[in-house]
PDB file of N, CA and C in Angstrom:
ATOM      1  N   MET A   1      -6.173  -9.981  21.639  1.00  0.00           N
ATOM      2  CA  MET A   1      -5.076 -10.434  20.817  1.00  0.00           C
ATOM      3  C   MET A   1      -4.482 -11.676  21.465  1.00  0.00           C
ATOM      4  N   ASP A   2      -4.125 -12.634  20.608  1.00  0.00           N
ATOM      5  CA  ASP A   2      -3.559 -13.897  21.059  1.00  0.00           C
ATOM      6  C   ASP A   2      -2.155 -14.035  20.484  1.00  0.00           C
ATOM      7  N   ILE A   3      -1.164 -14.154  21.353  1.00  0.00           N
ATOM      8  CA  ILE A   3       0.225 -14.274  20.914  1.00  0.00           C
ATOM      9  C   ILE A   3       0.775 -15.595  21.403  1.00  0.00           C
ATOM     10  N   LYS A   4       1.435 -16.303  20.475  1.00  0.00           N
ATOM     11  CA  LYS A   4       2.079 -17.560  20.822  1.00  0.00           C
ATOM     12  C   LYS A   4       3.568 -17.439  20.512  1.00  0.00           C
ATOM     13  N   VAL A   5       4.390 -17.908  21.443  1.00  0.00           N
ATOM     14  CA  VAL A   5       5.831 -17.988  21.227  1.00  0.00           C
ATOM     15  C   VAL A   5       6.144 -19.471  21.097  1.00  0.00           C
ATOM     16  N   LEU A   6       6.637 -19.846  19.915  1.00  0.00           N
ATOM     17  CA  LEU A   6       6.914 -21.242  19.635  1.00  0.00           C
ATOM     18  C   LEU A   6       8.401 -21.517  19.790  1.00  0.00           C
ATOM     19  N   GLY A   7       8.727 -22.579  20.499  1.00  0.00           N
ATOM     20  CA  GLY A   7      10.126 -22.958  20.659  1.00  0.00           C
ATOM     21  C   GLY A   7      10.283 -23.996  21.750  1.00  0.00           C
ATOM     22  N   PRO A   8      11.351 -24.781  21.660  1.00  0.00           N
ATOM     23  CA  PRO A   8      11.545 -25.881  22.602  1.00  0.00           C
ATOM     24  C   PRO A   8      12.004 -25.474  23.997  1.00  0.00           C
ATOM     25  N   GLY A   9      12.250 -24.209  24.220  1.00  0.00           N
ATOM     26  CA  GLY A   9      12.675 -23.758  25.546  1.00  0.00           C
ATOM     27  C   GLY A   9      14.137 -23.380  25.611  1.00  0.00           C
ATOM     28  N   CYS A  10      14.773 -23.238  24.465  1.00  0.00           N
ATOM     29  CA  CYS A  10      16.183 -22.838  24.417  1.00  0.00           C
ATOM     30  C   CYS A  10      16.326 -21.384  24.878  1.00  0.00           C
ATOM     31  N   PRO A  11      17.545 -20.925  25.137  1.00  0.00           N
ATOM     32  CA  PRO A  11      17.739 -19.543  25.577  1.00  0.00           C
ATOM     33  C   PRO A  11      17.165 -18.499  24.611  1.00  0.00           C
ATOM     34  N   LYS A  12      17.276 -18.736  23.306  1.00  0.00           N
ATOM     35  CA  LYS A  12      16.720 -17.779  22.337  1.00  0.00           C
ATOM     36  C   LYS A  12      15.200 -17.713  22.441  1.00  0.00           C
ATOM     37  N   CYS A  13      14.576 -18.848  22.666  1.00  0.00           N
ATOM     38  CA  CYS A  13      13.119 -18.879  22.807  1.00  0.00           C
ATOM     39  C   CYS A  13      12.683 -18.180  24.101  1.00  0.00           C
ATOM     40  N   GLN A  14      13.433 -18.387  25.158  1.00  0.00           N
ATOM     41  CA  GLN A  14      13.140 -17.729  26.430  1.00  0.00           C
ATOM     42  C   GLN A  14      13.307 -16.220  26.297  1.00  0.00           C
ATOM     43  N   GLN A  15      14.345 -15.782  25.591  1.00  0.00           N
ATOM     44  CA  GLN A  15      14.576 -14.355  25.375  1.00  0.00           C
ATOM     45  C   GLN A  15      13.446 -13.753  24.539  1.00  0.00           C
ATOM     46  N   THR A  16      12.993 -14.487  23.536  1.00  0.00           N
ATOM     47  CA  THR A  16      11.890 -14.005  22.698  1.00  0.00           C
ATOM     48  C   THR A  16      10.630 -13.808  23.521  1.00  0.00           C
ATOM     49  N   GLU A  17      10.314 -14.764  24.375  1.00  0.00           N
ATOM     50  CA  GLU A  17       9.135 -14.643  25.233  1.00  0.00           C
ATOM     51  C   GLU A  17       9.257 -13.417  26.141  1.00  0.00           C
ATOM     52  N   LYS A  18      10.437 -13.195  26.694  1.00  0.00           N
ATOM     53  CA  LYS A  18      10.671 -12.035  27.562  1.00  0.00           C
ATOM     54  C   LYS A  18      10.464 -10.733  26.791  1.00  0.00           C
ATOM     55  N   ILE A  19      11.002 -10.656  25.581  1.00  0.00           N
ATOM     56  CA  ILE A  19      10.867  -9.446  24.765  1.00  0.00           C
ATOM     57  C   ILE A  19       9.408  -9.196  24.395  1.00  0.00           C
ATOM     58  N   VAL A  20       8.680 -10.243  24.065  1.00  0.00           N
ATOM     59  CA  VAL A  20       7.255 -10.092  23.730  1.00  0.00           C
ATOM     60  C   VAL A  20       6.501  -9.520  24.926  1.00  0.00           C
ATOM     61  N   LYS A  21       6.763 -10.050  26.104  1.00  0.00           N
ATOM     62  CA  LYS A  21       6.093  -9.552  27.315  1.00  0.00           C
ATOM     63  C   LYS A  21       6.450  -8.093  27.587  1.00  0.00           C
ATOM     64  N   GLU A  22       7.715  -7.741  27.417  1.00  0.00           N
ATOM     65  CA  GLU A  22       8.138  -6.351  27.625  1.00  0.00           C
ATOM     66  C   GLU A  22       7.481  -5.415  26.612  1.00  0.00           C
ATOM     67  N   ALA A  23       7.433  -5.838  25.355  1.00  0.00           N
ATOM     68  CA  ALA A  23       6.814  -5.013  24.309  1.00  0.00           C
ATOM     69  C   ALA A  23       5.343  -4.785  24.598  1.00  0.00           C
ATOM     70  N   LEU A  24       4.658  -5.811  25.061  1.00  0.00           N
ATOM     71  CA  LEU A  24       3.244  -5.662  25.407  1.00  0.00           C
ATOM     72  C   LEU A  24       3.063  -4.704  26.569  1.00  0.00           C
ATOM     73  N   ALA A  25       3.898  -4.827  27.579  1.00  0.00           N
ATOM     74  CA  ALA A  25       3.793  -3.950  28.746  1.00  0.00           C
ATOM     75  C   ALA A  25       4.031  -2.495  28.362  1.00  0.00           C
ATOM     76  N   GLU A  26       4.989  -2.262  27.478  1.00  0.00           N
ATOM     77  CA  GLU A  26       5.313  -0.893  27.066  1.00  0.00           C
ATOM     78  C   GLU A  26       4.276  -0.299  26.125  1.00  0.00           C
ATOM     79  N   SER A  27       3.565  -1.131  25.408  1.00  0.00           N
ATOM     80  CA  SER A  27       2.593  -0.615  24.432  1.00  0.00           C
ATOM     81  C   SER A  27       1.170  -0.606  24.973  1.00  0.00           C
ATOM     82  N   SER A  28       0.965  -1.114  26.176  1.00  0.00           N
ATOM     83  CA  SER A  28      -0.360  -1.155  26.801  1.00  0.00           C
ATOM     84  C   SER A  28      -1.394  -1.896  25.956  1.00  0.00           C
ATOM     85  N   VAL A  29      -0.941  -2.913  25.243  1.00  0.00           N
ATOM     86  CA  VAL A  29      -1.843  -3.736  24.443  1.00  0.00           C
ATOM     87  C   VAL A  29      -2.274  -4.926  25.296  1.00  0.00           C
ATOM     88  N   SER A  30      -3.550  -5.229  25.238  1.00  0.00           N
ATOM     89  CA  SER A  30      -4.073  -6.367  25.976  1.00  0.00           C
ATOM     90  C   SER A  30      -3.953  -7.619  25.109  1.00  0.00           C
ATOM     91  N   ALA A  31      -3.307  -8.641  25.654  1.00  0.00           N
ATOM     92  CA  ALA A  31      -3.117  -9.863  24.890  1.00  0.00           C
ATOM     93  C   ALA A  31      -2.852 -11.029  25.827  1.00  0.00           C
ATOM     94  N   THR A  32      -3.122 -12.216  25.329  1.00  0.00           N
ATOM     95  CA  THR A  32      -2.727 -13.421  26.040  1.00  0.00           C
ATOM     96  C   THR A  32      -1.470 -13.952  25.362  1.00  0.00           C
ATOM     97  N   ILE A  33      -0.558 -14.465  26.164  1.00  0.00           N
ATOM     98  CA  ILE A  33       0.676 -15.026  25.636  1.00  0.00           C
ATOM     99  C   ILE A  33       0.725 -16.497  26.028  1.00  0.00           C
ATOM    100  N   GLU A  34       0.981 -17.327  25.032  1.00  0.00           N
ATOM    101  CA  GLU A  34       1.095 -18.756  25.268  1.00  0.00           C
ATOM    102  C   GLU A  34       2.440 -19.233  24.734  1.00  0.00           C
ATOM    103  N   LYS A  35       3.139 -20.008  25.520  1.00  0.00           N
ATOM    104  CA  LYS A  35       4.415 -20.587  25.111  1.00  0.00           C
ATOM    105  C   LYS A  35       4.140 -22.008  24.648  1.00  0.00           C
ATOM    106  N   ILE A  36       4.517 -22.336  23.427  1.00  0.00           N
ATOM    107  CA  ILE A  36       4.302 -23.674  22.881  1.00  0.00           C
ATOM    108  C   ILE A  36       5.661 -24.335  22.693  1.00  0.00           C
ATOM    109  N   ILE A  37       5.879 -25.450  23.396  1.00  0.00           N
ATOM    110  CA  ILE A  37       7.149 -26.152  23.314  1.00  0.00           C
ATOM    111  C   ILE A  37       7.026 -27.509  22.612  1.00  0.00           C
ATOM    112  N   ASN A  38       5.835 -27.977  22.414  1.00  0.00           N
ATOM    113  CA  ASN A  38       5.596 -29.265  21.768  1.00  0.00           C
ATOM    114  C   ASN A  38       5.937 -29.166  20.284  1.00  0.00           C
ATOM    115  N   THR A  39       6.895 -29.971  19.832  1.00  0.00           N
ATOM    116  CA  THR A  39       7.358 -29.876  18.445  1.00  0.00           C
ATOM    117  C   THR A  39       6.270 -30.213  17.427  1.00  0.00           C
ATOM    118  N   LEU A  40       5.352 -31.084  17.774  1.00  0.00           N
ATOM    119  CA  LEU A  40       4.260 -31.401  16.847  1.00  0.00           C
ATOM    120  C   LEU A  40       3.324 -30.209  16.679  1.00  0.00           C
ATOM    121  N   LYS A  41       3.056 -29.515  17.771  1.00  0.00           N
ATOM    122  CA  LYS A  41       2.211 -28.318  17.687  1.00  0.00           C
ATOM    123  C   LYS A  41       2.930 -27.195  16.940  1.00  0.00           C
ATOM    124  N   ILE A  42       4.247 -27.068  17.145  1.00  0.00           N
ATOM    125  CA  ILE A  42       5.024 -26.060  16.419  1.00  0.00           C
ATOM    126  C   ILE A  42       4.957 -26.346  14.924  1.00  0.00           C
ATOM    127  N   ALA A  43       5.085 -27.603  14.551  1.00  0.00           N
ATOM    128  CA  ALA A  43       5.052 -27.999  13.142  1.00  0.00           C
ATOM    129  C   ALA A  43       3.714 -27.675  12.485  1.00  0.00           C
ATOM    130  N   GLU A  44       2.639 -27.640  13.257  1.00  0.00           N
ATOM    131  CA  GLU A  44       1.320 -27.305  12.710  1.00  0.00           C
ATOM    132  C   GLU A  44       1.282 -25.895  12.114  1.00  0.00           C
ATOM    133  N   TYR A  45       2.200 -25.042  12.531  1.00  0.00           N
ATOM    134  CA  TYR A  45       2.266 -23.677  12.002  1.00  0.00           C
ATOM    135  C   TYR A  45       3.096 -23.602  10.722  1.00  0.00           C
ATOM    136  N   GLY A  46       3.686 -24.726  10.308  1.00  0.00           N
ATOM    137  CA  GLY A  46       4.441 -24.762   9.071  1.00  0.00           C
ATOM    138  C   GLY A  46       5.781 -24.070   9.128  1.00  0.00           C
ATOM    139  N   VAL A  47       6.316 -23.902  10.316  1.00  0.00           N
ATOM    140  CA  VAL A  47       7.611 -23.229  10.459  1.00  0.00           C
ATOM    141  C   VAL A  47       8.694 -24.274  10.696  1.00  0.00           C
ATOM    142  N   PHE A  48       9.900 -23.941  10.252  1.00  0.00           N
ATOM    143  CA  PHE A  48      11.006 -24.871  10.379  1.00  0.00           C
ATOM    144  C   PHE A  48      12.145 -24.299  11.207  1.00  0.00           C
ATOM    145  N   GLY A  49      11.881 -23.214  11.896  1.00  0.00           N
ATOM    146  CA  GLY A  49      12.885 -22.610  12.755  1.00  0.00           C
ATOM    147  C   GLY A  49      12.231 -21.988  13.967  1.00  0.00           C
ATOM    148  N   THR A  50      12.976 -21.920  15.037  1.00  0.00           N
ATOM    149  CA  THR A  50      12.490 -21.261  16.242  1.00  0.00           C
ATOM    150  C   THR A  50      13.589 -20.327  16.721  1.00  0.00           C
ATOM    151  N   PRO A  51      13.252 -19.352  17.513  1.00  0.00           N
ATOM    152  CA  PRO A  51      11.926 -19.035  18.036  1.00  0.00           C
ATOM    153  C   PRO A  51      11.007 -18.487  16.943  1.00  0.00           C
ATOM    154  N   CYS A  52       9.732 -18.590  17.218  1.00  0.00           N
ATOM    155  CA  CYS A  52       8.721 -18.121  16.282  1.00  0.00           C
ATOM    156  C   CYS A  52       7.644 -17.378  17.072  1.00  0.00           C
ATOM    157  N   VAL A  53       7.174 -16.278  16.517  1.00  0.00           N
ATOM    158  CA  VAL A  53       6.110 -15.499  17.148  1.00  0.00           C
ATOM    159  C   VAL A  53       4.897 -15.523  16.234  1.00  0.00           C
ATOM    160  N   VAL A  54       3.758 -15.895  16.806  1.00  0.00           N
ATOM    161  CA  VAL A  54       2.498 -15.965  16.074  1.00  0.00           C
ATOM    162  C   VAL A  54       1.522 -15.006  16.748  1.00  0.00           C
ATOM    163  N   VAL A  55       0.928 -14.104  15.960  1.00  0.00           N
ATOM    164  CA  VAL A  55      -0.041 -13.146  16.482  1.00  0.00           C
ATOM    165  C   VAL A  55      -1.374 -13.390  15.796  1.00  0.00           C
ATOM    166  N   ASP A  56      -2.391 -13.703  16.600  1.00  0.00           N
ATOM    167  CA  ASP A  56      -3.729 -13.981  16.094  1.00  0.00           C
ATOM    168  C   ASP A  56      -3.700 -14.978  14.934  1.00  0.00           C
ATOM    169  N   GLY A  57      -2.909 -16.035  15.099  1.00  0.00           N
ATOM    170  CA  GLY A  57      -2.844 -17.106  14.122  1.00  0.00           C
ATOM    171  C   GLY A  57      -1.936 -16.863  12.936  1.00  0.00           C
ATOM    172  N   GLU A  58      -1.317 -15.695  12.857  1.00  0.00           N
ATOM    173  CA  GLU A  58      -0.445 -15.363  11.733  1.00  0.00           C
ATOM    174  C   GLU A  58       1.010 -15.326  12.185  1.00  0.00           C
ATOM    175  N   VAL A  59       1.860 -16.080  11.489  1.00  0.00           N
ATOM    176  CA  VAL A  59       3.282 -16.115  11.817  1.00  0.00           C
ATOM    177  C   VAL A  59       3.889 -14.755  11.498  1.00  0.00           C
ATOM    178  N   LYS A  60       4.555 -14.152  12.496  1.00  0.00           N
ATOM    179  CA  LYS A  60       5.130 -12.816  12.338  1.00  0.00           C
ATOM    180  C   LYS A  60       6.650 -12.829  12.315  1.00  0.00           C
ATOM    181  N   SER A  61       7.265 -13.766  12.994  1.00  0.00           N
ATOM    182  CA  SER A  61       8.723 -13.810  13.067  1.00  0.00           C
ATOM    183  C   SER A  61       9.136 -15.255  13.259  1.00  0.00           C
ATOM    184  N   VAL A  62      10.224 -15.649  12.598  1.00  0.00           N
ATOM    185  CA  VAL A  62      10.710 -17.023  12.755  1.00  0.00           C
ATOM    186  C   VAL A  62      12.229 -17.071  12.619  1.00  0.00           C
ATOM    187  N   GLY A  63      12.839 -17.897  13.463  1.00  0.00           N
ATOM    188  CA  GLY A  63      14.253 -18.165  13.368  1.00  0.00           C
ATOM    189  C   GLY A  63      15.182 -17.113  13.931  1.00  0.00           C
ATOM    190  N   LYS A  64      14.639 -16.146  14.642  1.00  0.00           N
ATOM    191  CA  LYS A  64      15.483 -15.099  15.231  1.00  0.00           C
ATOM    192  C   LYS A  64      14.796 -14.513  16.452  1.00  0.00           C
ATOM    193  N   ILE A  65      15.570 -13.787  17.240  1.00  0.00           N
ATOM    194  CA  ILE A  65      15.001 -13.068  18.377  1.00  0.00           C
ATOM    195  C   ILE A  65      14.578 -11.698  17.857  1.00  0.00           C
ATOM    196  N   PRO A  66      13.284 -11.425  17.811  1.00  0.00           N
ATOM    197  CA  PRO A  66      12.853 -10.109  17.331  1.00  0.00           C
ATOM    198  C   PRO A  66      13.141  -9.032  18.375  1.00  0.00           C
ATOM    199  N   SER A  67      13.360  -7.828  17.902  1.00  0.00           N
ATOM    200  CA  SER A  67      13.548  -6.713  18.836  1.00  0.00           C
ATOM    201  C   SER A  67      12.182  -6.272  19.366  1.00  0.00           C
ATOM    202  N   LYS A  68      12.202  -5.510  20.445  1.00  0.00           N
ATOM    203  CA  LYS A  68      10.934  -4.975  20.967  1.00  0.00           C
ATOM    204  C   LYS A  68      10.253  -4.115  19.919  1.00  0.00           C
ATOM    205  N   GLU A  69      11.038  -3.354  19.166  1.00  0.00           N
ATOM    206  CA  GLU A  69      10.470  -2.479  18.138  1.00  0.00           C
ATOM    207  C   GLU A  69       9.770  -3.292  17.058  1.00  0.00           C
ATOM    208  N   GLU A  70      10.372  -4.424  16.671  1.00  0.00           N
ATOM    209  CA  GLU A  70       9.738  -5.289  15.677  1.00  0.00           C
ATOM    210  C   GLU A  70       8.413  -5.834  16.194  1.00  0.00           C
ATOM    211  N   ILE A  71       8.408  -6.221  17.447  1.00  0.00           N
ATOM    212  CA  ILE A  71       7.168  -6.737  18.036  1.00  0.00           C
ATOM    213  C   ILE A  71       6.109  -5.640  18.067  1.00  0.00           C
ATOM    214  N   LYS A  72       6.497  -4.454  18.522  1.00  0.00           N
ATOM    215  CA  LYS A  72       5.533  -3.355  18.626  1.00  0.00           C
ATOM    216  C   LYS A  72       5.031  -2.911  17.256  1.00  0.00           C
ATOM    217  N   ILE A  73       5.937  -2.727  16.320  1.00  0.00           N
ATOM    218  CA  ILE A  73       5.559  -2.170  15.021  1.00  0.00           C
ATOM    219  C   ILE A  73       4.946  -3.238  14.116  1.00  0.00           C
ATOM    220  N   ARG A  74       5.636  -4.360  13.984  1.00  0.00           N
ATOM    221  CA  ARG A  74       5.192  -5.376  13.036  1.00  0.00           C
ATOM    222  C   ARG A  74       4.233  -6.381  13.640  1.00  0.00           C
ATOM    223  N   GLY A  75       4.538  -6.825  14.838  1.00  0.00           N
ATOM    224  CA  GLY A  75       3.747  -7.892  15.430  1.00  0.00           C
ATOM    225  C   GLY A  75       2.403  -7.459  15.953  1.00  0.00           C
ATOM    226  N   LEU A  76       2.295  -6.217  16.394  1.00  0.00           N
ATOM    227  CA  LEU A  76       1.064  -5.798  17.040  1.00  0.00           C
ATOM    228  C   LEU A  76       0.159  -4.970  16.135  1.00  0.00           C
ATOM    229  N   ARG A  77       0.650  -4.601  14.982  1.00  0.00           N
ATOM    230  CA  ARG A  77      -0.195  -3.855  14.047  1.00  0.00           C
ATOM    231  C   ARG A  77      -0.859  -4.811  13.088  1.00  0.00           C
ATOM    232  N   GLN A  78      -2.114  -4.559  12.827  1.00  0.00           N
ATOM    233  CA  GLN A  78      -2.813  -5.369  11.842  1.00  0.00           C
ATOM    234  C   GLN A  78      -2.282  -5.025  10.464  1.00  0.00           C
ATOM    235  N   GLY A  79      -2.301  -5.989   9.602  1.00  0.00           N
ATOM    236  CA  GLY A  79      -1.902  -5.743   8.236  1.00  0.00           C
ATOM    237  C   GLY A  79      -0.455  -6.047   7.947  1.00  0.00           C
ATOM    238  N   TYR A  80       0.361  -6.232   8.984  1.00  0.00           N
ATOM    239  CA  TYR A  80       1.760  -6.574   8.735  1.00  0.00           C
ATOM    240  C   TYR A  80       1.836  -8.049   8.410  1.00  0.00           C
ATOM    241  N   SER A  81       2.560  -8.374   7.387  1.00  0.00           N
ATOM    242  CA  SER A  81       2.736  -9.766   7.025  1.00  0.00           C
ATOM    243  C   SER A  81       4.174  -9.991   6.604  1.00  0.00           C
ATOM    244  N   GLN A  82       4.810 -10.949   7.227  1.00  0.00           N
ATOM    245  CA  GLN A  82       6.173 -11.320   6.862  1.00  0.00           C
ATOM    246  C   GLN A  82       6.126 -12.799   6.512  1.00  0.00           C
ATOM    247  N   GLU A  83       6.582 -13.138   5.318  1.00  0.00           N
ATOM    248  CA  GLU A  83       6.535 -14.531   4.909  1.00  0.00           C
ATOM    249  C   GLU A  83       7.543 -15.335   5.730  1.00  0.00           C
ATOM    250  N   CYS A  84       7.039 -16.208   6.574  1.00  0.00           N
ATOM    251  CA  CYS A  84       7.893 -16.966   7.463  1.00  0.00           C
ATOM    252  C   CYS A  84       7.744 -18.475   7.244  1.00  0.00           C
ATOM    253  N   ARG A  85       6.827 -18.857   6.448  1.00  0.00           N
ATOM    254  CA  ARG A  85       6.578 -20.285   6.274  1.00  0.00           C
ATOM    255  C   ARG A  85       7.445 -20.839   5.172  1.00  0.00           C
ATOM    256  N   HIS A  86       7.642 -22.132   5.251  1.00  0.00           N
ATOM    257  CA  HIS A  86       8.428 -22.814   4.222  1.00  0.00           C
ATOM    258  C   HIS A  86       7.633 -22.765   2.919  1.00  0.00           C
ATOM    259  N   PRO A  87       8.249 -22.358   1.809  1.00  0.00           N
ATOM    260  CA  PRO A  87       7.521 -22.292   0.549  1.00  0.00           C
ATOM    261  C   PRO A  87       7.059 -23.668   0.102  1.00  0.00           C
ATOM    262  N   GLU A  88       5.937 -23.713  -0.523  1.00  0.00           N
ATOM    263  CA  GLU A  88       5.410 -24.980  -1.044  1.00  0.00           C
ATOM    264  C   GLU A  88       6.327 -25.468  -2.137  1.00  0.00           C
ATOM    265  N   LEU A  89       6.572 -26.754  -2.152  1.00  0.00           N
ATOM    266  CA  LEU A  89       7.439 -27.338  -3.187  1.00  0.00           C
ATOM    267  C   LEU A  89       6.619 -27.800  -4.370  1.00  0.00           C
TER     268      LEU A  89
END
């Protein structure tokens, strides 16, 4: 599993990264975590808010600090989809 935490490095983004790491440790899921701070790379995901959590290429959370439970239940289970991208105009 590949998890990316997108954000410029603000306190909310740092907290999100910490929560993701804690959720992974508690759930015994094997994953790589990458922190992306480059705004151009963040924009490639089509999101307009941070922090943002991307799991295996799919945006799972945007614009808020997710709870550990959200990460464990929604972020780490296949099939969960939360519309986080800006709607097409």
